[in-house]
Amino acid sequence: MYAHKFDKAVIGGVNEIELVQHAQSGSQEALNTLIEEYYQIIFAYFYKNTNHSHQSKDLTQNVFIKMVANLSKYKPRAPFKSWLFTIASNHLKNYYRTLSRHPESVELSEEALVTESLTEQVEVGRDLQTALAHLPAKQKEVVILRYYYDFSIKDIAKITGALEITVKARIRYALEKLKHELEG
């Protein structure tokens, strides 16, 4: 079997790599365990990026559909979590592309906006969430991956398809903007 430096991740008492291999072999239980383990963090990733619960649920569902469809292609060269976040990052980019072409497709009702606002206040400090919302999408994504999910610069570069120096610059510029916004 595979022996990698990152194979120490344990989910439900089972080594993550072994769990993925069981899922690849057709184990519905292993697949369900992977989905249960990562559903909330993928949803939170989208929510922090979009600030919309409904879109975040849809995006999350689509990521797991892609995960299941492409699970046989996963090779443990990187942690499964990084592979899954790469799918999520690509899906987020597609979402923003679609949004820029069809902004009316994500309009929310007034009631939904009130619900979103209340959820936002509970999950994250209002000022920080507002400041994050003002960041360009690429800067917001790297900040969320770095500070909410504790990915390394190298992992973020792989997930987003950007150079490490670009990731560092995006983080630096984002932090400067956040500091300015929060102090102002």
N, C-alpha and C. Protein backbone atom coordinates (compact mmCIF):
# COMPACT_ATOMS: atom_id res chain seq x y z
N MET A 1 0.84 -1.19 0.00
CA MET A 1 0.00 0.00 0.00
C MET A 1 0.88 1.25 0.00
N TYR A 2 0.22 2.40 0.10
CA TYR A 2 0.93 3.67 0.05
C TYR A 2 1.47 4.03 1.42
N ALA A 3 2.64 4.61 1.47
CA ALA A 3 3.20 5.12 2.72
C ALA A 3 3.70 6.53 2.45
N HIS A 4 3.02 7.49 2.99
CA HIS A 4 3.37 8.89 2.76
C HIS A 4 3.45 9.62 4.09
N LYS A 5 4.12 10.76 4.04
CA LYS A 5 4.28 11.55 5.26
C LYS A 5 2.95 12.06 5.79
N PHE A 6 1.92 12.15 4.95
CA PHE A 6 0.63 12.69 5.38
C PHE A 6 -0.40 11.61 5.66
N ASP A 7 0.01 10.34 5.67
CA ASP A 7 -0.97 9.28 5.86
C ASP A 7 -1.38 9.08 7.31
N LYS A 8 -1.02 10.02 8.17
CA LYS A 8 -1.36 9.92 9.58
C LYS A 8 -2.76 10.45 9.89
N ALA A 9 -3.39 11.10 8.91
CA ALA A 9 -4.74 11.62 9.13
C ALA A 9 -5.67 10.45 9.42
N VAL A 10 -6.45 10.60 10.48
CA VAL A 10 -7.35 9.53 10.90
C VAL A 10 -8.77 10.06 10.90
N ILE A 11 -9.67 9.31 10.29
CA ILE A 11 -11.09 9.67 10.24
C ILE A 11 -11.87 8.49 10.79
N GLY A 12 -12.63 8.73 11.81
CA GLY A 12 -13.45 7.66 12.38
C GLY A 12 -12.62 6.46 12.80
N GLY A 13 -11.40 6.70 13.28
CA GLY A 13 -10.54 5.62 13.73
C GLY A 13 -9.81 4.89 12.62
N VAL A 14 -9.97 5.33 11.36
CA VAL A 14 -9.34 4.68 10.23
C VAL A 14 -8.39 5.66 9.56
N ASN A 15 -7.23 5.17 9.15
CA ASN A 15 -6.28 5.98 8.40
C ASN A 15 -6.99 6.53 7.15
N GLU A 16 -6.82 7.83 6.90
CA GLU A 16 -7.52 8.48 5.80
C GLU A 16 -7.23 7.82 4.45
N ILE A 17 -5.98 7.49 4.19
CA ILE A 17 -5.61 6.86 2.92
C ILE A 17 -6.33 5.51 2.77
N GLU A 18 -6.37 4.73 3.85
CA GLU A 18 -7.07 3.45 3.80
C GLU A 18 -8.56 3.66 3.55
N LEU A 19 -9.11 4.69 4.19
CA LEU A 19 -10.54 5.00 4.02
C LEU A 19 -10.83 5.35 2.55
N VAL A 20 -9.97 6.17 1.96
CA VAL A 20 -10.14 6.54 0.56
C VAL A 20 -10.02 5.30 -0.33
N GLN A 21 -9.06 4.45 -0.02
CA GLN A 21 -8.89 3.22 -0.81
C GLN A 21 -10.13 2.32 -0.70
N HIS A 22 -10.72 2.24 0.48
CA HIS A 22 -11.95 1.47 0.64
C HIS A 22 -13.08 2.08 -0.18
N ALA A 23 -13.17 3.40 -0.16
CA ALA A 23 -14.20 4.08 -0.95
C ALA A 23 -13.96 3.85 -2.44
N GLN A 24 -12.71 3.89 -2.86
CA GLN A 24 -12.39 3.64 -4.26
C GLN A 24 -12.75 2.21 -4.67
N SER A 25 -12.70 1.30 -3.69
CA SER A 25 -13.03 -0.11 -3.96
C SER A 25 -14.54 -0.37 -3.91
N GLY A 26 -15.31 0.68 -3.64
CA GLY A 26 -16.76 0.54 -3.67
C GLY A 26 -17.45 0.51 -2.33
N SER A 27 -16.73 0.76 -1.23
CA SER A 27 -17.34 0.75 0.08
C SER A 27 -18.20 2.00 0.29
N GLN A 28 -19.51 1.81 0.35
CA GLN A 28 -20.43 2.94 0.58
C GLN A 28 -20.20 3.52 1.96
N GLU A 29 -19.90 2.69 2.93
CA GLU A 29 -19.65 3.16 4.30
C GLU A 29 -18.43 4.08 4.34
N ALA A 30 -17.36 3.70 3.65
CA ALA A 30 -16.16 4.54 3.61
C ALA A 30 -16.46 5.86 2.90
N LEU A 31 -17.21 5.79 1.82
CA LEU A 31 -17.58 7.01 1.09
C LEU A 31 -18.42 7.93 1.96
N ASN A 32 -19.40 7.37 2.66
CA ASN A 32 -20.23 8.17 3.56
C ASN A 32 -19.40 8.81 4.67
N THR A 33 -18.42 8.09 5.19
CA THR A 33 -17.55 8.62 6.24
C THR A 33 -16.76 9.82 5.72
N LEU A 34 -16.22 9.70 4.51
CA LEU A 34 -15.49 10.82 3.91
C LEU A 34 -16.39 12.04 3.73
N ILE A 35 -17.58 11.81 3.23
CA ILE A 35 -18.52 12.92 3.03
C ILE A 35 -18.89 13.56 4.36
N GLU A 36 -19.20 12.75 5.35
CA GLU A 36 -19.55 13.29 6.67
C GLU A 36 -18.39 14.08 7.28
N GLU A 37 -17.17 13.60 7.08
CA GLU A 37 -16.00 14.26 7.65
C GLU A 37 -15.77 15.63 7.02
N TYR A 38 -15.97 15.74 5.72
CA TYR A 38 -15.59 16.97 5.03
C TYR A 38 -16.75 17.87 4.63
N TYR A 39 -17.98 17.44 4.76
CA TYR A 39 -19.11 18.25 4.30
C TYR A 39 -19.14 19.62 4.96
N GLN A 40 -19.06 19.65 6.27
CA GLN A 40 -19.19 20.94 6.97
C GLN A 40 -18.05 21.90 6.65
N ILE A 41 -16.82 21.39 6.53
CA ILE A 41 -15.71 22.33 6.27
C ILE A 41 -15.76 22.84 4.83
N ILE A 42 -16.23 22.02 3.90
CA ILE A 42 -16.39 22.50 2.52
C ILE A 42 -17.53 23.52 2.45
N PHE A 43 -18.63 23.23 3.13
CA PHE A 43 -19.74 24.19 3.18
C PHE A 43 -19.26 25.52 3.79
N ALA A 44 -18.53 25.45 4.89
CA ALA A 44 -18.04 26.66 5.55
C ALA A 44 -17.09 27.44 4.63
N TYR A 45 -16.27 26.73 3.88
CA TYR A 45 -15.37 27.36 2.92
C TYR A 45 -16.17 28.19 1.91
N PHE A 46 -17.22 27.59 1.36
CA PHE A 46 -18.05 28.32 0.40
C PHE A 46 -18.80 29.46 1.07
N TYR A 47 -19.30 29.22 2.26
CA TYR A 47 -20.06 30.27 2.95
C TYR A 47 -19.17 31.47 3.26
N LYS A 48 -17.96 31.21 3.70
CA LYS A 48 -17.03 32.31 4.00
C LYS A 48 -16.67 33.09 2.73
N ASN A 49 -16.69 32.42 1.59
CA ASN A 49 -16.36 33.08 0.34
C ASN A 49 -17.55 33.78 -0.29
N THR A 50 -18.76 33.24 -0.13
CA THR A 50 -19.93 33.80 -0.82
C THR A 50 -20.88 34.57 0.08
N ASN A 51 -20.89 34.25 1.38
CA ASN A 51 -21.83 34.83 2.34
C ASN A 51 -23.29 34.49 2.03
N HIS A 52 -23.52 33.42 1.28
CA HIS A 52 -24.87 33.00 0.94
C HIS A 52 -25.04 31.51 1.24
N SER A 53 -25.93 31.22 2.15
CA SER A 53 -26.14 29.85 2.59
C SER A 53 -26.65 28.96 1.46
N HIS A 54 -27.64 29.43 0.72
CA HIS A 54 -28.23 28.62 -0.35
C HIS A 54 -27.18 28.27 -1.41
N GLN A 55 -26.42 29.26 -1.88
CA GLN A 55 -25.40 29.00 -2.89
C GLN A 55 -24.32 28.08 -2.33
N SER A 56 -23.98 28.27 -1.05
CA SER A 56 -22.96 27.43 -0.42
C SER A 56 -23.39 25.97 -0.38
N LYS A 57 -24.66 25.73 -0.08
CA LYS A 57 -25.18 24.36 -0.08
C LYS A 57 -25.10 23.76 -1.48
N ASP A 58 -25.51 24.53 -2.48
CA ASP A 58 -25.46 24.03 -3.85
C ASP A 58 -24.02 23.74 -4.29
N LEU A 59 -23.12 24.67 -3.99
CA LEU A 59 -21.72 24.48 -4.35
C LEU A 59 -21.13 23.26 -3.65
N THR A 60 -21.46 23.10 -2.38
CA THR A 60 -20.96 21.95 -1.61
C THR A 60 -21.46 20.65 -2.21
N GLN A 61 -22.74 20.60 -2.52
CA GLN A 61 -23.30 19.39 -3.13
C GLN A 61 -22.58 19.05 -4.43
N ASN A 62 -22.33 20.07 -5.24
CA ASN A 62 -21.65 19.84 -6.51
C ASN A 62 -20.23 19.34 -6.32
N VAL A 63 -19.55 19.83 -5.31
CA VAL A 63 -18.18 19.36 -5.03
C VAL A 63 -18.20 17.88 -4.68
N PHE A 64 -19.17 17.47 -3.86
CA PHE A 64 -19.21 16.06 -3.47
C PHE A 64 -19.66 15.16 -4.62
N ILE A 65 -20.46 15.69 -5.51
CA ILE A 65 -20.81 14.94 -6.71
C ILE A 65 -19.54 14.73 -7.55
N LYS A 66 -18.75 15.80 -7.70
CA LYS A 66 -17.49 15.69 -8.45
C LYS A 66 -16.51 14.76 -7.73
N MET A 67 -16.48 14.84 -6.39
CA MET A 67 -15.59 13.98 -5.63
C MET A 67 -15.91 12.52 -5.91
N VAL A 68 -17.19 12.16 -5.83
CA VAL A 68 -17.60 10.78 -6.05
C VAL A 68 -17.27 10.36 -7.48
N ALA A 69 -17.55 11.24 -8.43
CA ALA A 69 -17.31 10.91 -9.84
C ALA A 69 -15.83 10.74 -10.15
N ASN A 70 -14.97 11.44 -9.43
CA ASN A 70 -13.53 11.42 -9.72
C ASN A 70 -12.69 10.70 -8.68
N LEU A 71 -13.32 10.07 -7.72
CA LEU A 71 -12.59 9.42 -6.63
C LEU A 71 -11.59 8.38 -7.15
N SER A 72 -11.95 7.70 -8.20
CA SER A 72 -11.04 6.68 -8.75
C SER A 72 -9.74 7.30 -9.27
N LYS A 73 -9.77 8.59 -9.59
CA LYS A 73 -8.58 9.28 -10.12
C LYS A 73 -7.66 9.78 -9.01
N TYR A 74 -8.14 9.83 -7.76
CA TYR A 74 -7.31 10.32 -6.66
C TYR A 74 -6.14 9.38 -6.42
N LYS A 75 -4.96 9.94 -6.39
CA LYS A 75 -3.74 9.22 -6.04
C LYS A 75 -3.14 9.93 -4.83
N PRO A 76 -2.75 9.19 -3.82
CA PRO A 76 -2.27 9.83 -2.58
C PRO A 76 -0.90 10.48 -2.68
N ARG A 77 -0.77 11.42 -3.62
CA ARG A 77 0.46 12.22 -3.72
C ARG A 77 0.38 13.43 -2.81
N ALA A 78 -0.82 13.79 -2.45
CA ALA A 78 -1.10 14.91 -1.53
C ALA A 78 -2.24 14.45 -0.63
N PRO A 79 -2.42 15.11 0.50
CA PRO A 79 -3.53 14.72 1.38
C PRO A 79 -4.87 14.80 0.64
N PHE A 80 -5.76 13.92 0.99
CA PHE A 80 -7.10 13.90 0.40
C PHE A 80 -7.78 15.25 0.59
N LYS A 81 -7.62 15.84 1.77
CA LYS A 81 -8.23 17.14 2.06
C LYS A 81 -7.78 18.19 1.04
N SER A 82 -6.50 18.19 0.68
CA SER A 82 -6.00 19.15 -0.32
C SER A 82 -6.62 18.87 -1.68
N TRP A 83 -6.73 17.60 -2.04
CA TRP A 83 -7.36 17.23 -3.30
C TRP A 83 -8.80 17.71 -3.34
N LEU A 84 -9.53 17.50 -2.24
CA LEU A 84 -10.92 17.92 -2.17
C LEU A 84 -11.05 19.44 -2.22
N PHE A 85 -10.16 20.15 -1.54
CA PHE A 85 -10.19 21.62 -1.59
C PHE A 85 -9.80 22.14 -2.97
N THR A 86 -9.00 21.41 -3.71
CA THR A 86 -8.70 21.80 -5.08
C THR A 86 -9.96 21.76 -5.93
N ILE A 87 -10.74 20.72 -5.75
CA ILE A 87 -12.03 20.63 -6.45
C ILE A 87 -12.92 21.81 -6.04
N ALA A 88 -12.97 22.09 -4.73
CA ALA A 88 -13.80 23.19 -4.23
C ALA A 88 -13.32 24.54 -4.77
N SER A 89 -12.00 24.74 -4.79
CA SER A 89 -11.45 26.00 -5.30
C SER A 89 -11.80 26.19 -6.77
N ASN A 90 -11.65 25.15 -7.56
CA ASN A 90 -12.00 25.24 -8.98
C ASN A 90 -13.49 25.51 -9.16
N HIS A 91 -14.29 24.90 -8.32
CA HIS A 91 -15.74 25.11 -8.40
C HIS A 91 -16.09 26.56 -8.02
N LEU A 92 -15.38 27.10 -7.03
CA LEU A 92 -15.60 28.49 -6.62
C LEU A 92 -15.23 29.45 -7.75
N LYS A 93 -14.13 29.17 -8.44
CA LYS A 93 -13.74 30.01 -9.58
C LYS A 93 -14.82 29.98 -10.66
N ASN A 94 -15.35 28.79 -10.94
CA ASN A 94 -16.42 28.68 -11.94
C ASN A 94 -17.66 29.45 -11.49
N TYR A 95 -17.97 29.39 -10.21
CA TYR A 95 -19.11 30.12 -9.65
C TYR A 95 -18.92 31.62 -9.87
N TYR A 96 -17.73 32.14 -9.57
CA TYR A 96 -17.48 33.57 -9.75
C TYR A 96 -17.53 33.96 -11.23
N ARG A 97 -17.04 33.09 -12.10
CA ARG A 97 -17.11 33.35 -13.53
C ARG A 97 -18.57 33.47 -13.98
N THR A 98 -19.38 32.52 -13.54
CA THR A 98 -20.81 32.53 -13.88
C THR A 98 -21.48 33.76 -13.28
N LEU A 99 -21.13 34.08 -12.06
CA LEU A 99 -21.71 35.24 -11.38
C LEU A 99 -21.39 36.53 -12.12
N SER A 100 -20.17 36.64 -12.64
CA SER A 100 -19.80 37.87 -13.36
C SER A 100 -20.57 38.00 -14.67
N ARG A 101 -20.95 36.86 -15.26
CA ARG A 101 -21.72 36.89 -16.52
C ARG A 101 -23.22 37.03 -16.28
N HIS A 102 -23.69 36.49 -15.15
CA HIS A 102 -25.13 36.47 -14.84
C HIS A 102 -25.37 36.86 -13.39
N PRO A 103 -25.14 38.13 -13.03
CA PRO A 103 -25.27 38.52 -11.62
C PRO A 103 -26.68 38.34 -11.05
N GLU A 104 -27.68 38.34 -11.89
CA GLU A 104 -29.05 38.17 -11.40
C GLU A 104 -29.31 36.75 -10.90
N SER A 105 -28.44 35.79 -11.23
CA SER A 105 -28.67 34.40 -10.86
C SER A 105 -28.49 34.12 -9.38
N VAL A 106 -27.95 35.09 -8.61
CA VAL A 106 -27.77 34.85 -7.18
C VAL A 106 -28.52 35.84 -6.31
N GLU A 107 -29.52 36.49 -6.88
CA GLU A 107 -30.32 37.40 -6.07
C GLU A 107 -31.07 36.61 -5.00
N LEU A 108 -31.14 37.18 -3.81
CA LEU A 108 -31.83 36.53 -2.70
C LEU A 108 -33.03 37.35 -2.27
N SER A 109 -34.01 36.68 -1.72
CA SER A 109 -35.16 37.40 -1.19
C SER A 109 -34.75 38.17 0.05
N GLU A 110 -35.56 39.15 0.43
CA GLU A 110 -35.25 39.94 1.62
C GLU A 110 -35.19 39.06 2.86
N GLU A 111 -36.08 38.08 2.95
CA GLU A 111 -36.08 37.16 4.09
C GLU A 111 -34.78 36.36 4.14
N ALA A 112 -34.31 35.90 2.99
CA ALA A 112 -33.06 35.14 2.94
C ALA A 112 -31.89 36.02 3.36
N LEU A 113 -31.91 37.29 2.95
CA LEU A 113 -30.84 38.21 3.33
C LEU A 113 -30.81 38.41 4.85
N VAL A 114 -31.96 38.52 5.48
CA VAL A 114 -32.01 38.67 6.94
C VAL A 114 -31.45 37.41 7.60
N THR A 115 -31.83 36.24 7.11
CA THR A 115 -31.32 34.99 7.66
C THR A 115 -29.81 34.91 7.48
N GLU A 116 -29.32 35.29 6.31
CA GLU A 116 -27.88 35.27 6.05
C GLU A 116 -27.17 36.19 7.04
N SER A 117 -27.72 37.37 7.27
CA SER A 117 -27.09 38.33 8.17
C SER A 117 -27.01 37.78 9.59
N LEU A 118 -28.08 37.15 10.06
CA LEU A 118 -28.07 36.59 11.42
C LEU A 118 -27.07 35.45 11.53
N THR A 119 -27.01 34.60 10.53
CA THR A 119 -26.06 33.50 10.53
C THR A 119 -24.64 34.04 10.54
N GLU A 120 -24.41 35.05 9.73
CA GLU A 120 -23.08 35.65 9.64
C GLU A 120 -22.64 36.21 11.00
N GLN A 121 -23.53 36.86 11.71
CA GLN A 121 -23.17 37.44 13.00
C GLN A 121 -22.83 36.36 14.02
N VAL A 122 -23.50 35.23 13.94
CA VAL A 122 -23.23 34.14 14.86
C VAL A 122 -21.90 33.48 14.53
N GLU A 123 -21.65 33.18 13.25
CA GLU A 123 -20.47 32.43 12.83
C GLU A 123 -19.17 33.24 12.96
N VAL A 124 -19.18 34.46 12.56
CA VAL A 124 -17.95 35.25 12.51
C VAL A 124 -18.27 36.66 12.95
N GLY A 125 -17.29 37.32 13.52
CA GLY A 125 -17.48 38.71 13.90
C GLY A 125 -17.94 39.54 12.71
N ARG A 126 -18.93 40.36 12.94
CA ARG A 126 -19.53 41.14 11.84
C ARG A 126 -18.51 42.00 11.11
N ASP A 127 -17.65 42.67 11.84
CA ASP A 127 -16.68 43.55 11.19
C ASP A 127 -15.71 42.77 10.30
N LEU A 128 -15.23 41.66 10.80
CA LEU A 128 -14.29 40.86 10.01
C LEU A 128 -14.98 40.31 8.77
N GLN A 129 -16.18 39.82 8.92
CA GLN A 129 -16.90 39.26 7.77
C GLN A 129 -17.16 40.35 6.74
N THR A 130 -17.51 41.54 7.18
CA THR A 130 -17.73 42.65 6.26
C THR A 130 -16.43 43.01 5.54
N ALA A 131 -15.35 43.04 6.29
CA ALA A 131 -14.05 43.35 5.69
C ALA A 131 -13.66 42.27 4.68
N LEU A 132 -13.88 41.02 5.02
CA LEU A 132 -13.58 39.92 4.09
C LEU A 132 -14.40 40.05 2.81
N ALA A 133 -15.64 40.47 2.95
CA ALA A 133 -16.52 40.60 1.79
C ALA A 133 -16.03 41.65 0.80
N HIS A 134 -15.26 42.61 1.29
CA HIS A 134 -14.74 43.67 0.42
C HIS A 134 -13.47 43.27 -0.31
N LEU A 135 -12.89 42.14 0.04
CA LEU A 135 -11.67 41.70 -0.63
C LEU A 135 -11.99 41.14 -2.01
N PRO A 136 -11.06 41.29 -2.94
CA PRO A 136 -11.24 40.59 -4.23
C PRO A 136 -11.29 39.08 -3.98
N ALA A 137 -11.99 38.37 -4.82
CA ALA A 137 -12.24 36.93 -4.63
C ALA A 137 -10.96 36.12 -4.43
N LYS A 138 -9.93 36.39 -5.22
CA LYS A 138 -8.69 35.62 -5.11
C LYS A 138 -7.98 35.87 -3.78
N GLN A 139 -8.03 37.11 -3.29
CA GLN A 139 -7.43 37.42 -2.00
C GLN A 139 -8.22 36.79 -0.87
N LYS A 140 -9.54 36.89 -0.96
CA LYS A 140 -10.39 36.32 0.08
C LYS A 140 -10.18 34.81 0.18
N GLU A 141 -10.09 34.15 -0.96
CA GLU A 141 -9.92 32.70 -0.97
C GLU A 141 -8.63 32.29 -0.26
N VAL A 142 -7.51 32.95 -0.57
CA VAL A 142 -6.25 32.54 0.06
C VAL A 142 -6.23 32.83 1.54
N VAL A 143 -6.84 33.93 1.96
CA VAL A 143 -6.92 34.24 3.39
C VAL A 143 -7.74 33.18 4.12
N ILE A 144 -8.85 32.79 3.53
CA ILE A 144 -9.71 31.77 4.16
C ILE A 144 -8.98 30.44 4.24
N LEU A 145 -8.33 30.04 3.15
CA LEU A 145 -7.59 28.77 3.16
C LEU A 145 -6.46 28.80 4.19
N ARG A 146 -5.79 29.94 4.32
CA ARG A 146 -4.64 30.05 5.24
C ARG A 146 -5.08 30.15 6.70
N TYR A 147 -6.00 31.04 6.99
CA TYR A 147 -6.30 31.35 8.39
C TYR A 147 -7.52 30.62 8.95
N TYR A 148 -8.40 30.15 8.11
CA TYR A 148 -9.54 29.37 8.61
C TYR A 148 -9.26 27.87 8.53
N TYR A 149 -8.48 27.46 7.51
CA TYR A 149 -8.23 26.03 7.30
C TYR A 149 -6.78 25.64 7.52
N ASP A 150 -5.92 26.60 7.81
CA ASP A 150 -4.53 26.36 8.18
C ASP A 150 -3.73 25.61 7.12
N PHE A 151 -4.03 25.86 5.85
CA PHE A 151 -3.23 25.28 4.78
C PHE A 151 -1.92 26.06 4.66
N SER A 152 -0.86 25.37 4.28
CA SER A 152 0.43 26.02 4.06
C SER A 152 0.37 26.81 2.75
N ILE A 153 1.33 27.71 2.56
CA ILE A 153 1.42 28.47 1.32
C ILE A 153 1.55 27.52 0.14
N LYS A 154 2.38 26.50 0.29
CA LYS A 154 2.59 25.51 -0.77
C LYS A 154 1.28 24.80 -1.12
N ASP A 155 0.52 24.38 -0.10
CA ASP A 155 -0.76 23.72 -0.34
C ASP A 155 -1.75 24.66 -1.02
N ILE A 156 -1.78 25.90 -0.57
CA ILE A 156 -2.70 26.88 -1.17
C ILE A 156 -2.35 27.09 -2.64
N ALA A 157 -1.06 27.14 -2.94
CA ALA A 157 -0.63 27.29 -4.33
C ALA A 157 -1.13 26.12 -5.17
N LYS A 158 -1.03 24.91 -4.64
CA LYS A 158 -1.51 23.73 -5.38
C LYS A 158 -3.03 23.77 -5.53
N ILE A 159 -3.72 24.13 -4.46
CA ILE A 159 -5.19 24.16 -4.49
C ILE A 159 -5.71 25.17 -5.50
N THR A 160 -5.11 26.37 -5.49
CA THR A 160 -5.62 27.45 -6.34
C THR A 160 -4.99 27.49 -7.72
N GLY A 161 -3.89 26.75 -7.90
CA GLY A 161 -3.21 26.76 -9.19
C GLY A 161 -2.37 28.01 -9.40
N ALA A 162 -2.03 28.69 -8.33
CA ALA A 162 -1.22 29.90 -8.41
C ALA A 162 0.21 29.59 -7.94
N LEU A 163 1.14 30.44 -8.28
CA LEU A 163 2.51 30.30 -7.79
C LEU A 163 2.54 30.65 -6.30
N GLU A 164 3.50 30.06 -5.58
CA GLU A 164 3.63 30.35 -4.15
C GLU A 164 3.84 31.84 -3.90
N ILE A 165 4.66 32.48 -4.71
CA ILE A 165 4.92 33.91 -4.53
C ILE A 165 3.64 34.73 -4.75
N THR A 166 2.79 34.27 -5.65
CA THR A 166 1.51 34.93 -5.90
C THR A 166 0.60 34.78 -4.69
N VAL A 167 0.58 33.57 -4.11
CA VAL A 167 -0.22 33.33 -2.92
C VAL A 167 0.24 34.24 -1.78
N LYS A 168 1.56 34.32 -1.59
CA LYS A 168 2.10 35.18 -0.53
C LYS A 168 1.71 36.63 -0.75
N ALA A 169 1.79 37.08 -1.99
CA ALA A 169 1.42 38.47 -2.30
C ALA A 169 -0.07 38.70 -2.05
N ARG A 170 -0.90 37.75 -2.48
CA ARG A 170 -2.34 37.91 -2.25
C ARG A 170 -2.66 37.97 -0.76
N ILE A 171 -2.00 37.14 0.02
CA ILE A 171 -2.22 37.16 1.47
C ILE A 171 -1.76 38.50 2.05
N ARG A 172 -0.58 38.94 1.65
CA ARG A 172 -0.06 40.21 2.17
C ARG A 172 -0.99 41.37 1.83
N TYR A 173 -1.40 41.46 0.57
CA TYR A 173 -2.30 42.55 0.17
C TYR A 173 -3.65 42.45 0.88
N ALA A 174 -4.14 41.24 1.02
CA ALA A 174 -5.43 41.04 1.71
C ALA A 174 -5.33 41.46 3.17
N LEU A 175 -4.26 41.08 3.83
CA LEU A 175 -4.10 41.45 5.24
C LEU A 175 -3.97 42.96 5.41
N GLU A 176 -3.29 43.59 4.47
CA GLU A 176 -3.18 45.06 4.52
C GLU A 176 -4.56 45.70 4.37
N LYS A 177 -5.35 45.19 3.43
CA LYS A 177 -6.69 45.72 3.21
C LYS A 177 -7.58 45.47 4.42
N LEU A 178 -7.49 44.27 4.99
CA LEU A 178 -8.28 43.95 6.17
C LEU A 178 -7.91 44.86 7.34
N LYS A 179 -6.62 45.06 7.54
CA LYS A 179 -6.17 45.93 8.62
C LYS A 179 -6.69 47.35 8.42
N HIS A 180 -6.57 47.86 7.21
CA HIS A 180 -7.05 49.21 6.90
C HIS A 180 -8.56 49.31 7.15
N GLU A 181 -9.30 48.33 6.66
CA GLU A 181 -10.76 48.32 6.80
C GLU A 181 -11.18 48.24 8.27
N LEU A 182 -10.52 47.36 9.02
CA LEU A 182 -10.90 47.16 10.42
C LEU A 182 -10.50 48.34 11.30
N GLU A 183 -9.40 49.01 10.96
CA GLU A 183 -8.98 50.18 11.73
C GLU A 183 -9.79 51.40 11.37
N GLY A 184 -10.27 51.44 10.12
CA GLY A 184 -11.02 52.60 9.64
C GLY A 184 -12.43 52.55 10.08
